[in-house]
Amino acid sequence: MSVTAPVGVFVATSTPPERIPVLAAAAERLGYGEVWVAEDYFCYGGFTGAALALGATERVQVGLGIVASVARHPAVTAMEIATLARAHPGRFLPGIGHGVPFWTDQMGLTAESPLSALTECVTGVQRLLAGETLDEQGKQFSFHSVTATHPVEDPVPILTGVLGPKSLQLSGRIADGTVMSVLAGTTYLEKALGHIRSGMAESGRTEHLVPTFALFSIAKDGAQARKAVRPALAGYLAAVGPHNPLTGACGYNDQLAELLREPDTLADNLPDEWIDTLAVAGDPDEVTARVAALRAAGATSVVLSPVNADTALDELELAASTVLPRLS
C-alpha cells in the first residue's frame, strides 16, 4: 500500500526500545503516513527512538513529539536534529515543548520563564541548523561562538508541543507546526488554531503543521472498542486534572472535578460523550468519522495511539484495511 494516508501511529513510551523498529516498519507496511515517538522522562530516549524508527522505514515521516526545551542545551538539540535530518532527508519532524513540570522539577530544570526558554531553544535550533554562529546571552541559554559542524541544507520543520493560548500564539509565530495532545478534541483544536493563526500573522507565516494525537481503539464491535479506551482516557484526565484547557474547551472541567473526587471509578463513570469527543474509538465507521472530524477541525494528520499494547498491531491492521482507504 502506498503511504498517502494522513494518519500516523504513535509508538508509546512504555514500548521497549527494541520493539520500536518492528512497530515502525509495520506502520509503514500497513500504509500509515507517519510514525511518532516521544520523550516521556524517563522512558526511551526521544532522538534514539526516532533514529530507530527512521532506520526501520524508508518512506514515512517520523516525528518526535516532544522533547523538553530545558532538557538539553539548544546547541545539543540542534546537533541531534541535524544528524537525523541529514541521514534521512525530508523525513524527520522534531518537536520541542516546555516539558512536563513534574519531570523537569525532578531534574531541577524547570524554567523561570517557560515562554522565554522555548523561544530561545526553538530559534537557536533553527539558526544553528541554518549554519549561523551564535554568540549571545539569553534568559535561559548562553551561546559562546557556537556553530554546527553539520548544518542542514534544506530547512527542517521545527514543531512545538504546547497547550495554552500564549504558547500557541508563540508556536504560530516561530514554529512550523504544533503537536496536539491526545486529549485535543475538535472544539479545543479549533480554538487552538485561532491562537496559532494569530501568531502566524505576526510573523507572516502561511503554513503550519498540526499533527493531532488521539487515544485509539477499533473493533468490529464498536462498544468493545469504546470500553477499551476508557482506562487510558481516565488516566490522562487524572493526570491533567480539572483545570486544563483541553477539557475546558469542551466545558467539562467542573464535571471532571466532581468525577475526580472518586478516582477509582473515573473510568467507569466517564460520560459516553467524552469518549466521542476526546478519543478515536469505535467500529470502522465511527473511527473514520472521528478522524475526518479532527481533520475538518484543522488537524493536518491524526496520530493514533493504541491503548492496548497486546492488540495494537491487530487494531492497526483493521484500521488500515477499513479506515485508511476512505481517508487517502
C-alpha atoms as a PDB file:
ATOM      1  CA  MET A   1       0.000   0.000   0.000  1.00  0.00           C
ATOM      2  CA  SER A   2       1.316   3.457  -0.838  1.00  0.00           C
ATOM      3  CA  VAL A   3       1.970   5.808   2.059  1.00  0.00           C
ATOM      4  CA  THR A   4      -0.544   8.568   1.400  1.00  0.00           C
ATOM      5  CA  ALA A   5      -2.983   8.433   4.303  1.00  0.00           C
ATOM      6  CA  PRO A   6      -2.960  11.491   6.596  1.00  0.00           C
ATOM      7  CA  VAL A   7      -2.962   9.135   9.565  1.00  0.00           C
ATOM      8  CA  GLY A   8       0.000   8.278  11.752  1.00  0.00           C
ATOM      9  CA  VAL A   9       0.886   5.826  14.503  1.00  0.00           C
ATOM     10  CA  PHE A  10       2.307   6.706  17.899  1.00  0.00           C
ATOM     11  CA  VAL A  11       4.808   4.328  19.491  1.00  0.00           C
ATOM     12  CA  ALA A  12       4.035   4.636  23.193  1.00  0.00           C
ATOM     13  CA  THR A  13       6.932   5.386  25.523  1.00  0.00           C
ATOM     14  CA  SER A  14       6.054   2.271  27.511  1.00  0.00           C
ATOM     15  CA  THR A  15       7.238   0.312  24.445  1.00  0.00           C
ATOM     16  CA  PRO A  16      10.567  -1.464  24.988  1.00  0.00           C
ATOM     17  CA  PRO A  17      13.119   0.264  22.742  1.00  0.00           C
ATOM     18  CA  GLU A  18      13.885  -2.929  20.830  1.00  0.00           C
ATOM     19  CA  ARG A  19      10.239  -3.006  19.678  1.00  0.00           C
ATOM     20  CA  ILE A  20      10.330   0.442  18.065  1.00  0.00           C
ATOM     21  CA  PRO A  21      11.768  -0.736  14.703  1.00  0.00           C
ATOM     22  CA  VAL A  22       9.210  -3.552  14.494  1.00  0.00           C
ATOM     23  CA  LEU A  23       6.257  -1.247  15.096  1.00  0.00           C
ATOM     24  CA  ALA A  24       7.575   1.488  12.812  1.00  0.00           C
ATOM     25  CA  ALA A  25       8.135  -0.952   9.954  1.00  0.00           C
ATOM     26  CA  ALA A  26       4.670  -2.420  10.468  1.00  0.00           C
ATOM     27  CA  ALA A  27       3.070   1.036  10.357  1.00  0.00           C
ATOM     28  CA  GLU A  28       4.807   1.819   7.079  1.00  0.00           C
ATOM     29  CA  ARG A  29       3.867  -1.553   5.601  1.00  0.00           C
ATOM     30  CA  LEU A  30       0.217  -1.006   6.513  1.00  0.00           C
ATOM     31  CA  GLY A  31       0.113   2.363   4.775  1.00  0.00           C
ATOM     32  CA  TYR A  32       0.264   4.857   7.600  1.00  0.00           C
ATOM     33  CA  GLY A  33       1.856   8.139   6.638  1.00  0.00           C
ATOM     34  CA  GLU A  34       3.667   8.996   9.861  1.00  0.00           C
ATOM     35  CA  VAL A  35       5.296   7.297  12.834  1.00  0.00           C
ATOM     36  CA  TRP A  36       5.691   9.276  16.032  1.00  0.00           C
ATOM     37  CA  VAL A  37       7.861   8.663  19.055  1.00  0.00           C
ATOM     38  CA  ALA A  38       8.105  10.788  22.194  1.00  0.00           C
ATOM     39  CA  GLU A  39      10.369  11.612  25.096  1.00  0.00           C
ATOM     40  CA  ASP A  40       8.434  10.973  28.294  1.00  0.00           C
ATOM     41  CA  TYR A  41      11.027  11.080  31.054  1.00  0.00           C
ATOM     42  CA  PHE A  42      12.379   8.525  31.938  1.00  0.00           C
ATOM     43  CA  CYS A  43      11.415   6.071  29.217  1.00  0.00           C
ATOM     44  CA  TYR A  44      13.167   5.551  25.872  1.00  0.00           C
ATOM     45  CA  GLY A  45      15.215   8.466  24.522  1.00  0.00           C
ATOM     46  CA  GLY A  46      13.401  10.621  22.004  1.00  0.00           C
ATOM     47  CA  PHE A  47      16.201  11.088  19.487  1.00  0.00           C
ATOM     48  CA  THR A  48      17.386   7.498  19.695  1.00  0.00           C
ATOM     49  CA  GLY A  49      13.766   6.346  19.410  1.00  0.00           C
ATOM     50  CA  ALA A  50      13.361   8.459  16.287  1.00  0.00           C
ATOM     51  CA  ALA A  51      16.618   7.067  14.907  1.00  0.00           C
ATOM     52  CA  LEU A  52      15.362   3.512  15.412  1.00  0.00           C
ATOM     53  CA  ALA A  53      12.098   4.311  13.627  1.00  0.00           C
ATOM     54  CA  LEU A  54      13.828   6.123  10.766  1.00  0.00           C
ATOM     55  CA  GLY A  55      16.292   3.285  10.305  1.00  0.00           C
ATOM     56  CA  ALA A  56      13.483   0.726  10.103  1.00  0.00           C
ATOM     57  CA  THR A  57      11.484   2.637   7.466  1.00  0.00           C
ATOM     58  CA  GLU A  58      12.024   4.106   4.030  1.00  0.00           C
ATOM     59  CA  ARG A  59       9.184   6.496   3.231  1.00  0.00           C
ATOM     60  CA  VAL A  60       7.142   7.577   6.236  1.00  0.00           C
ATOM     61  CA  GLN A  61       7.843  10.752   8.119  1.00  0.00           C
ATOM     62  CA  VAL A  62       8.991  10.179  11.684  1.00  0.00           C
ATOM     63  CA  GLY A  63       8.006  12.726  14.292  1.00  0.00           C
ATOM     64  CA  LEU A  64       9.364  13.355  17.752  1.00  0.00           C
ATOM     65  CA  GLY A  65       6.676  14.800  19.958  1.00  0.00           C
ATOM     66  CA  ILE A  66       8.182  16.136  22.072  1.00  0.00           C
ATOM     67  CA  VAL A  67      11.434  16.925  23.914  1.00  0.00           C
ATOM     68  CA  ALA A  68      11.602  19.480  26.710  1.00  0.00           C
ATOM     69  CA  SER A  69      13.343  22.713  25.758  1.00  0.00           C
ATOM     70  CA  VAL A  70      15.314  22.660  29.014  1.00  0.00           C
ATOM     71  CA  ALA A  71      16.405  19.008  28.919  1.00  0.00           C
ATOM     72  CA  ARG A  72      19.301  19.806  26.561  1.00  0.00           C
ATOM     73  CA  HIS A  73      21.090  22.952  25.532  1.00  0.00           C
ATOM     74  CA  PRO A  74      19.692  24.114  22.151  1.00  0.00           C
ATOM     75  CA  ALA A  75      23.111  23.531  20.586  1.00  0.00           C
ATOM     76  CA  VAL A  76      22.925  19.873  21.606  1.00  0.00           C
ATOM     77  CA  THR A  77      19.321  19.632  20.413  1.00  0.00           C
ATOM     78  CA  ALA A  78      20.336  21.146  17.075  1.00  0.00           C
ATOM     79  CA  MET A  79      23.199  18.673  16.787  1.00  0.00           C
ATOM     80  CA  GLU A  80      20.830  15.742  17.326  1.00  0.00           C
ATOM     81  CA  ILE A  81      18.278  17.101  14.844  1.00  0.00           C
ATOM     82  CA  ALA A  82      20.904  17.781  12.192  1.00  0.00           C
ATOM     83  CA  THR A  83      22.282  14.264  12.492  1.00  0.00           C
ATOM     84  CA  LEU A  84      18.914  12.634  11.817  1.00  0.00           C
ATOM     85  CA  ALA A  85      17.783  15.198   9.239  1.00  0.00           C
ATOM     86  CA  ARG A  86      20.933  14.718   7.170  1.00  0.00           C
ATOM     87  CA  ALA A  87      20.813  10.932   7.436  1.00  0.00           C
ATOM     88  CA  HIS A  88      17.118  10.825   6.497  1.00  0.00           C
ATOM     89  CA  PRO A  89      16.383  13.914   4.360  1.00  0.00           C
ATOM     90  CA  GLY A  90      12.833  15.191   4.444  1.00  0.00           C
ATOM     91  CA  ARG A  91      11.542  12.589   6.904  1.00  0.00           C
ATOM     92  CA  PHE A  92      12.228  13.935  10.398  1.00  0.00           C
ATOM     93  CA  LEU A  93       9.736  16.141  12.266  1.00  0.00           C
ATOM     94  CA  PRO A  94      11.255  17.168  15.618  1.00  0.00           C
ATOM     95  CA  GLY A  95       9.095  18.772  18.290  1.00  0.00           C
ATOM     96  CA  ILE A  96      10.131  20.870  21.282  1.00  0.00           C
ATOM     97  CA  GLY A  97       7.976  21.941  24.225  1.00  0.00           C
ATOM     98  CA  HIS A  98       8.046  23.377  27.730  1.00  0.00           C
ATOM     99  CA  GLY A  99       8.306  19.942  29.325  1.00  0.00           C
ATOM    100  CA  VAL A 100       6.006  18.424  31.920  1.00  0.00           C
ATOM    101  CA  PRO A 101       6.655  20.358  35.169  1.00  0.00           C
ATOM    102  CA  PHE A 102       6.668  17.188  37.280  1.00  0.00           C
ATOM    103  CA  TRP A 103       9.526  15.752  35.223  1.00  0.00           C
ATOM    104  CA  THR A 104      11.511  18.970  34.843  1.00  0.00           C
ATOM    105  CA  ASP A 105      11.153  19.535  38.597  1.00  0.00           C
ATOM    106  CA  GLN A 106      12.592  16.064  39.210  1.00  0.00           C
ATOM    107  CA  MET A 107      15.681  17.135  37.271  1.00  0.00           C
ATOM    108  CA  GLY A 108      15.841  20.644  38.708  1.00  0.00           C
ATOM    109  CA  LEU A 109      15.413  22.069  35.218  1.00  0.00           C
ATOM    110  CA  THR A 110      12.089  23.918  35.315  1.00  0.00           C
ATOM    111  CA  ALA A 111      12.478  27.283  33.594  1.00  0.00           C
ATOM    112  CA  GLU A 112      11.631  30.507  35.418  1.00  0.00           C
ATOM    113  CA  SER A 113      10.141  31.756  32.143  1.00  0.00           C
ATOM    114  CA  PRO A 114       8.885  28.815  30.046  1.00  0.00           C
ATOM    115  CA  LEU A 115       7.998  31.076  27.108  1.00  0.00           C
ATOM    116  CA  SER A 116      11.496  32.577  27.028  1.00  0.00           C
ATOM    117  CA  ALA A 117      13.115  29.161  27.303  1.00  0.00           C
ATOM    118  CA  LEU A 118      11.032  27.773  24.450  1.00  0.00           C
ATOM    119  CA  THR A 119      11.647  30.831  22.281  1.00  0.00           C
ATOM    120  CA  GLU A 120      15.390  30.736  22.809  1.00  0.00           C
ATOM    121  CA  CYS A 121      15.514  26.991  22.205  1.00  0.00           C
ATOM    122  CA  VAL A 122      13.433  26.928  19.026  1.00  0.00           C
ATOM    123  CA  THR A 123      15.021  29.983  17.422  1.00  0.00           C
ATOM    124  CA  GLY A 124      18.500  28.901  18.486  1.00  0.00           C
ATOM    125  CA  VAL A 125      17.996  25.470  16.931  1.00  0.00           C
ATOM    126  CA  GLN A 126      16.630  26.986  13.727  1.00  0.00           C
ATOM    127  CA  ARG A 127      19.561  29.367  13.358  1.00  0.00           C
ATOM    128  CA  LEU A 128      22.180  26.718  14.095  1.00  0.00           C
ATOM    129  CA  LEU A 129      20.624  24.315  11.589  1.00  0.00           C
ATOM    130  CA  ALA A 130      20.799  27.104   9.003  1.00  0.00           C
ATOM    131  CA  GLY A 131      24.547  27.474   9.570  1.00  0.00           C
ATOM    132  CA  GLU A 132      24.679  30.577  11.767  1.00  0.00           C
ATOM    133  CA  THR A 133      27.211  31.104  14.508  1.00  0.00           C
ATOM    134  CA  LEU A 134      25.585  32.137  17.778  1.00  0.00           C
ATOM    135  CA  ASP A 135      27.251  34.324  20.351  1.00  0.00           C
ATOM    136  CA  GLU A 136      24.669  35.724  22.734  1.00  0.00           C
ATOM    137  CA  GLN A 137      23.259  35.621  26.244  1.00  0.00           C
ATOM    138  CA  GLY A 138      19.579  34.832  26.763  1.00  0.00           C
ATOM    139  CA  LYS A 139      17.382  34.495  29.825  1.00  0.00           C
ATOM    140  CA  GLN A 140      17.713  30.705  29.764  1.00  0.00           C
ATOM    141  CA  PHE A 141      20.585  29.806  27.435  1.00  0.00           C
ATOM    142  CA  SER A 142      24.025  31.177  26.585  1.00  0.00           C
ATOM    143  CA  PHE A 143      25.882  30.701  23.317  1.00  0.00           C
ATOM    144  CA  HIS A 144      29.590  31.437  23.036  1.00  0.00           C
ATOM    145  CA  SER A 145      30.656  31.177  19.394  1.00  0.00           C
ATOM    146  CA  VAL A 146      28.593  28.043  18.750  1.00  0.00           C
ATOM    147  CA  THR A 147      28.477  26.739  15.170  1.00  0.00           C
ATOM    148  CA  ALA A 148      27.010  23.482  13.920  1.00  0.00           C
ATOM    149  CA  THR A 149      29.665  21.448  12.133  1.00  0.00           C
ATOM    150  CA  HIS A 150      26.976  19.712  10.071  1.00  0.00           C
ATOM    151  CA  PRO A 151      24.202  22.205   9.278  1.00  0.00           C
ATOM    152  CA  VAL A 152      21.237  21.093   7.188  1.00  0.00           C
ATOM    153  CA  GLU A 153      20.906  22.259   3.604  1.00  0.00           C
ATOM    154  CA  ASP A 154      17.115  22.042   3.403  1.00  0.00           C
ATOM    155  CA  PRO A 155      15.065  23.579   6.235  1.00  0.00           C
ATOM    156  CA  VAL A 156      13.889  21.114   8.884  1.00  0.00           C
ATOM    157  CA  PRO A 157      10.362  21.738  10.201  1.00  0.00           C
ATOM    158  CA  ILE A 158      10.566  22.523  13.908  1.00  0.00           C
ATOM    159  CA  LEU A 159       7.341  21.896  15.792  1.00  0.00           C
ATOM    160  CA  THR A 160       6.323  22.672  19.338  1.00  0.00           C
ATOM    161  CA  GLY A 161       4.092  20.799  21.753  1.00  0.00           C
ATOM    162  CA  VAL A 162       2.173  23.384  23.791  1.00  0.00           C
ATOM    163  CA  LEU A 163      -1.318  23.916  25.227  1.00  0.00           C
ATOM    164  CA  GLY A 164      -2.069  27.422  26.488  1.00  0.00           C
ATOM    165  CA  PRO A 165      -3.079  30.496  24.440  1.00  0.00           C
ATOM    166  CA  LYS A 166       0.209  32.401  24.835  1.00  0.00           C
ATOM    167  CA  SER A 167       2.269  29.332  23.976  1.00  0.00           C
ATOM    168  CA  LEU A 168       0.076  28.504  20.984  1.00  0.00           C
ATOM    169  CA  GLN A 169       0.427  32.053  19.688  1.00  0.00           C
ATOM    170  CA  LEU A 170       4.193  31.778  20.158  1.00  0.00           C
ATOM    171  CA  SER A 171       4.192  28.497  18.243  1.00  0.00           C
ATOM    172  CA  GLY A 172       2.374  30.100  15.343  1.00  0.00           C
ATOM    173  CA  ARG A 173       4.891  32.937  15.350  1.00  0.00           C
ATOM    174  CA  ILE A 174       8.148  30.971  15.460  1.00  0.00           C
ATOM    175  CA  ALA A 175       7.490  27.302  14.643  1.00  0.00           C
ATOM    176  CA  ASP A 176       6.497  25.211  11.643  1.00  0.00           C
ATOM    177  CA  GLY A 177       3.874  23.211  13.479  1.00  0.00           C
ATOM    178  CA  THR A 178       2.248  22.317  16.778  1.00  0.00           C
ATOM    179  CA  VAL A 179       1.807  18.786  18.086  1.00  0.00           C
ATOM    180  CA  MET A 180      -1.636  18.451  19.662  1.00  0.00           C
ATOM    181  CA  SER A 181      -2.287  16.410  22.813  1.00  0.00           C
ATOM    182  CA  VAL A 182      -4.141  13.095  22.830  1.00  0.00           C
ATOM    183  CA  LEU A 183      -6.976  14.942  24.594  1.00  0.00           C
ATOM    184  CA  ALA A 184      -7.354  17.551  21.864  1.00  0.00           C
ATOM    185  CA  GLY A 185     -10.966  17.312  20.769  1.00  0.00           C
ATOM    186  CA  THR A 186     -12.323  19.229  17.811  1.00  0.00           C
ATOM    187  CA  THR A 187     -13.508  22.155  19.950  1.00  0.00           C
ATOM    188  CA  TYR A 188     -10.105  22.629  21.553  1.00  0.00           C
ATOM    189  CA  LEU A 189      -8.396  22.162  18.199  1.00  0.00           C
ATOM    190  CA  GLU A 190     -10.435  24.913  16.579  1.00  0.00           C
ATOM    191  CA  LYS A 191      -9.742  27.309  19.462  1.00  0.00           C
ATOM    192  CA  ALA A 192      -6.045  26.439  19.486  1.00  0.00           C
ATOM    193  CA  LEU A 193      -5.770  27.147  15.779  1.00  0.00           C
ATOM    194  CA  GLY A 194      -7.186  30.605  16.378  1.00  0.00           C
ATOM    195  CA  HIS A 195      -4.249  31.396  18.677  1.00  0.00           C
ATOM    196  CA  ILE A 196      -1.774  29.753  16.299  1.00  0.00           C
ATOM    197  CA  ARG A 197      -3.030  31.754  13.326  1.00  0.00           C
ATOM    198  CA  SER A 198      -2.725  34.945  15.315  1.00  0.00           C
ATOM    199  CA  GLY A 199       0.946  34.186  15.853  1.00  0.00           C
ATOM    200  CA  MET A 200       1.411  33.216  12.223  1.00  0.00           C
ATOM    201  CA  ALA A 201       0.011  36.568  11.134  1.00  0.00           C
ATOM    202  CA  GLU A 202       2.534  38.377  13.329  1.00  0.00           C
ATOM    203  CA  SER A 203       5.483  36.737  11.579  1.00  0.00           C
ATOM    204  CA  GLY A 204       3.990  36.357   8.116  1.00  0.00           C
ATOM    205  CA  ARG A 205       3.959  32.558   8.200  1.00  0.00           C
ATOM    206  CA  THR A 206       1.414  30.862   5.931  1.00  0.00           C
ATOM    207  CA  GLU A 207       1.810  27.148   6.693  1.00  0.00           C
ATOM    208  CA  HIS A 208       1.659  25.229   9.957  1.00  0.00           C
ATOM    209  CA  LEU A 209       1.598  21.501  10.632  1.00  0.00           C
ATOM    210  CA  VAL A 210      -0.931  20.291  13.198  1.00  0.00           C
ATOM    211  CA  PRO A 211      -0.383  16.568  13.905  1.00  0.00           C
ATOM    212  CA  THR A 212      -3.043  15.603  16.423  1.00  0.00           C
ATOM    213  CA  PHE A 213      -2.560  12.636  18.741  1.00  0.00           C
ATOM    214  CA  ALA A 214      -5.588  10.561  19.729  1.00  0.00           C
ATOM    215  CA  LEU A 215      -6.194   7.665  22.100  1.00  0.00           C
ATOM    216  CA  PHE A 216      -7.274   4.874  19.771  1.00  0.00           C
ATOM    217  CA  SER A 217      -9.161   1.612  19.792  1.00  0.00           C
ATOM    218  CA  ILE A 218     -11.048  -0.073  16.967  1.00  0.00           C
ATOM    219  CA  ALA A 219     -13.106  -3.250  16.759  1.00  0.00           C
ATOM    220  CA  LYS A 220     -15.908  -4.570  14.608  1.00  0.00           C
ATOM    221  CA  ASP A 221     -17.947  -4.248  17.797  1.00  0.00           C
ATOM    222  CA  GLY A 222     -17.763  -0.517  18.444  1.00  0.00           C
ATOM    223  CA  ALA A 223     -18.902  -0.868  22.060  1.00  0.00           C
ATOM    224  CA  GLN A 224     -15.926  -3.123  22.748  1.00  0.00           C
ATOM    225  CA  ALA A 225     -13.503  -0.510  21.416  1.00  0.00           C
ATOM    226  CA  ARG A 226     -15.168   2.303  23.309  1.00  0.00           C
ATOM    227  CA  LYS A 227     -14.937   0.301  26.524  1.00  0.00           C
ATOM    228  CA  ALA A 228     -11.269  -0.452  25.882  1.00  0.00           C
ATOM    229  CA  VAL A 229     -10.333   3.215  25.640  1.00  0.00           C
ATOM    230  CA  ARG A 230     -11.899   4.203  28.970  1.00  0.00           C
ATOM    231  CA  PRO A 231      -8.986   3.307  31.333  1.00  0.00           C
ATOM    232  CA  ALA A 232      -6.416   5.159  29.218  1.00  0.00           C
ATOM    233  CA  LEU A 233      -8.668   8.187  28.835  1.00  0.00           C
ATOM    234  CA  ALA A 234      -9.306   8.219  32.578  1.00  0.00           C
ATOM    235  CA  GLY A 235      -5.574   8.040  33.238  1.00  0.00           C
ATOM    236  CA  TYR A 236      -4.851  11.065  31.075  1.00  0.00           C
ATOM    237  CA  LEU A 237      -7.740  13.040  32.569  1.00  0.00           C
ATOM    238  CA  ALA A 238      -6.490  12.300  36.075  1.00  0.00           C
ATOM    239  CA  ALA A 239      -3.005  13.428  35.047  1.00  0.00           C
ATOM    240  CA  VAL A 240      -4.087  16.781  33.575  1.00  0.00           C
ATOM    241  CA  GLY A 241      -6.651  17.472  36.319  1.00  0.00           C
ATOM    242  CA  PRO A 242      -9.778  19.605  36.122  1.00  0.00           C
ATOM    243  CA  HIS A 243      -8.022  22.905  35.410  1.00  0.00           C
ATOM    244  CA  ASN A 244      -6.761  22.380  31.879  1.00  0.00           C
ATOM    245  CA  PRO A 245      -7.558  23.972  28.509  1.00  0.00           C
ATOM    246  CA  LEU A 246      -8.186  20.668  26.737  1.00  0.00           C
ATOM    247  CA  THR A 247     -11.316  19.613  28.570  1.00  0.00           C
ATOM    248  CA  GLY A 248     -12.061  23.215  29.449  1.00  0.00           C
ATOM    249  CA  ALA A 249     -12.695  23.944  25.774  1.00  0.00           C
ATOM    250  CA  CYS A 250     -15.495  21.363  25.889  1.00  0.00           C
ATOM    251  CA  GLY A 251     -16.961  22.685  29.129  1.00  0.00           C
ATOM    252  CA  TYR A 252     -16.057  19.501  31.015  1.00  0.00           C
ATOM    253  CA  ASN A 253     -13.861  20.845  33.808  1.00  0.00           C
ATOM    254  CA  ASP A 254     -16.489  21.246  36.519  1.00  0.00           C
ATOM    255  CA  GLN A 255     -17.833  17.760  35.898  1.00  0.00           C
ATOM    256  CA  LEU A 256     -14.297  16.386  35.703  1.00  0.00           C
ATOM    257  CA  ALA A 257     -13.556  17.886  39.121  1.00  0.00           C
ATOM    258  CA  GLU A 258     -16.567  16.065  40.533  1.00  0.00           C
ATOM    259  CA  LEU A 259     -15.614  12.773  38.919  1.00  0.00           C
ATOM    260  CA  LEU A 260     -12.060  13.054  40.249  1.00  0.00           C
ATOM    261  CA  ARG A 261     -13.409  13.001  43.786  1.00  0.00           C
ATOM    262  CA  GLU A 262     -13.647   9.225  43.269  1.00  0.00           C
ATOM    263  CA  PRO A 263     -10.651   8.479  41.004  1.00  0.00           C
ATOM    264  CA  ASP A 264     -11.009   4.703  41.345  1.00  0.00           C
ATOM    265  CA  THR A 265     -14.325   4.826  39.485  1.00  0.00           C
ATOM    266  CA  LEU A 266     -13.374   7.508  36.974  1.00  0.00           C
ATOM    267  CA  ALA A 267     -13.033   5.134  34.005  1.00  0.00           C
ATOM    268  CA  ASP A 268     -16.470   3.597  34.593  1.00  0.00           C
ATOM    269  CA  ASN A 269     -18.164   6.942  35.197  1.00  0.00           C
ATOM    270  CA  LEU A 270     -16.870   8.838  32.179  1.00  0.00           C
ATOM    271  CA  PRO A 271     -19.842  10.103  30.139  1.00  0.00           C
ATOM    272  CA  ASP A 272     -20.190   8.391  26.766  1.00  0.00           C
ATOM    273  CA  GLU A 273     -19.987  11.811  25.122  1.00  0.00           C
ATOM    274  CA  TRP A 274     -16.428  12.187  26.382  1.00  0.00           C
ATOM    275  CA  ILE A 275     -15.371   9.046  24.538  1.00  0.00           C
ATOM    276  CA  ASP A 276     -16.749  10.579  21.355  1.00  0.00           C
ATOM    277  CA  THR A 277     -15.085  13.964  21.813  1.00  0.00           C
ATOM    278  CA  LEU A 278     -11.744  13.042  23.421  1.00  0.00           C
ATOM    279  CA  ALA A 279     -10.762   9.764  21.734  1.00  0.00           C
ATOM    280  CA  VAL A 280     -10.870   7.911  18.423  1.00  0.00           C
ATOM    281  CA  ALA A 281     -12.666   4.713  19.339  1.00  0.00           C
ATOM    282  CA  GLY A 282     -15.405   2.547  17.884  1.00  0.00           C
ATOM    283  CA  ASP A 283     -16.154   0.449  14.846  1.00  0.00           C
ATOM    284  CA  PRO A 284     -14.555   1.275  11.465  1.00  0.00           C
ATOM    285  CA  ASP A 285     -17.333   3.705  10.518  1.00  0.00           C
ATOM    286  CA  GLU A 286     -17.068   5.520  13.850  1.00  0.00           C
ATOM    287  CA  VAL A 287     -13.276   5.717  13.663  1.00  0.00           C
ATOM    288  CA  THR A 288     -13.415   7.017  10.091  1.00  0.00           C
ATOM    289  CA  ALA A 289     -15.904   9.700  11.100  1.00  0.00           C
ATOM    290  CA  ARG A 290     -13.845  10.715  14.107  1.00  0.00           C
ATOM    291  CA  VAL A 291     -10.608  11.031  12.117  1.00  0.00           C
ATOM    292  CA  ALA A 292     -12.458  13.012   9.455  1.00  0.00           C
ATOM    293  CA  ALA A 293     -13.863  15.352  12.132  1.00  0.00           C
ATOM    294  CA  LEU A 294     -10.399  16.063  13.542  1.00  0.00           C
ATOM    295  CA  ARG A 295      -9.090  16.768  10.061  1.00  0.00           C
ATOM    296  CA  ALA A 296     -12.009  19.090   9.375  1.00  0.00           C
ATOM    297  CA  ALA A 297     -11.208  20.934  12.613  1.00  0.00           C
ATOM    298  CA  GLY A 298      -7.654  21.581  11.385  1.00  0.00           C
ATOM    299  CA  ALA A 299      -5.529  18.517  12.076  1.00  0.00           C
ATOM    300  CA  THR A 300      -3.035  18.024   9.250  1.00  0.00           C
ATOM    301  CA  SER A 301      -2.670  14.416  10.393  1.00  0.00           C
ATOM    302  CA  VAL A 302      -4.268  12.265  13.070  1.00  0.00           C
ATOM    303  CA  VAL A 303      -1.791  10.168  15.045  1.00  0.00           C
ATOM    304  CA  LEU A 304      -3.380   7.048  16.509  1.00  0.00           C
ATOM    305  CA  SER A 305      -2.161   5.978  19.933  1.00  0.00           C
ATOM    306  CA  PRO A 306      -3.349   2.397  20.580  1.00  0.00           C
ATOM    307  CA  VAL A 307      -4.473   1.950  24.173  1.00  0.00           C
ATOM    308  CA  ASN A 308      -3.930  -1.811  24.288  1.00  0.00           C
ATOM    309  CA  ALA A 309      -0.393  -2.961  23.519  1.00  0.00           C
ATOM    310  CA  ASP A 310      -1.450  -6.595  23.220  1.00  0.00           C
ATOM    311  CA  THR A 311      -3.901  -5.913  20.386  1.00  0.00           C
ATOM    312  CA  ALA A 312      -2.258  -2.810  18.889  1.00  0.00           C
ATOM    313  CA  LEU A 313      -0.988  -4.431  15.693  1.00  0.00           C
ATOM    314  CA  ASP A 314      -4.269  -6.219  15.051  1.00  0.00           C
ATOM    315  CA  GLU A 315      -6.187  -2.984  15.541  1.00  0.00           C
ATOM    316  CA  LEU A 316      -3.826  -1.037  13.299  1.00  0.00           C
ATOM    317  CA  GLU A 317      -4.280  -3.708  10.630  1.00  0.00           C
ATOM    318  CA  LEU A 318      -8.059  -3.432  10.924  1.00  0.00           C
ATOM    319  CA  ALA A 319      -7.900   0.346  10.617  1.00  0.00           C
ATOM    320  CA  ALA A 320      -5.518   0.067   7.669  1.00  0.00           C
ATOM    321  CA  SER A 321      -7.967  -2.122   5.747  1.00  0.00           C
ATOM    322  CA  THR A 322     -11.210  -0.418   6.728  1.00  0.00           C
ATOM    323  CA  VAL A 323     -10.387   3.221   7.546  1.00  0.00           C
ATOM    324  CA  LEU A 324      -7.315   4.347   5.600  1.00  0.00           C
ATOM    325  CA  PRO A 325      -8.821   3.644   2.142  1.00  0.00           C
ATOM    326  CA  ARG A 326     -11.556   6.142   2.934  1.00  0.00           C
ATOM    327  CA  LEU A 327      -9.107   8.848   4.017  1.00  0.00           C
ATOM    328  CA  SER A 328      -6.337   8.725   1.401  1.00  0.00           C
END
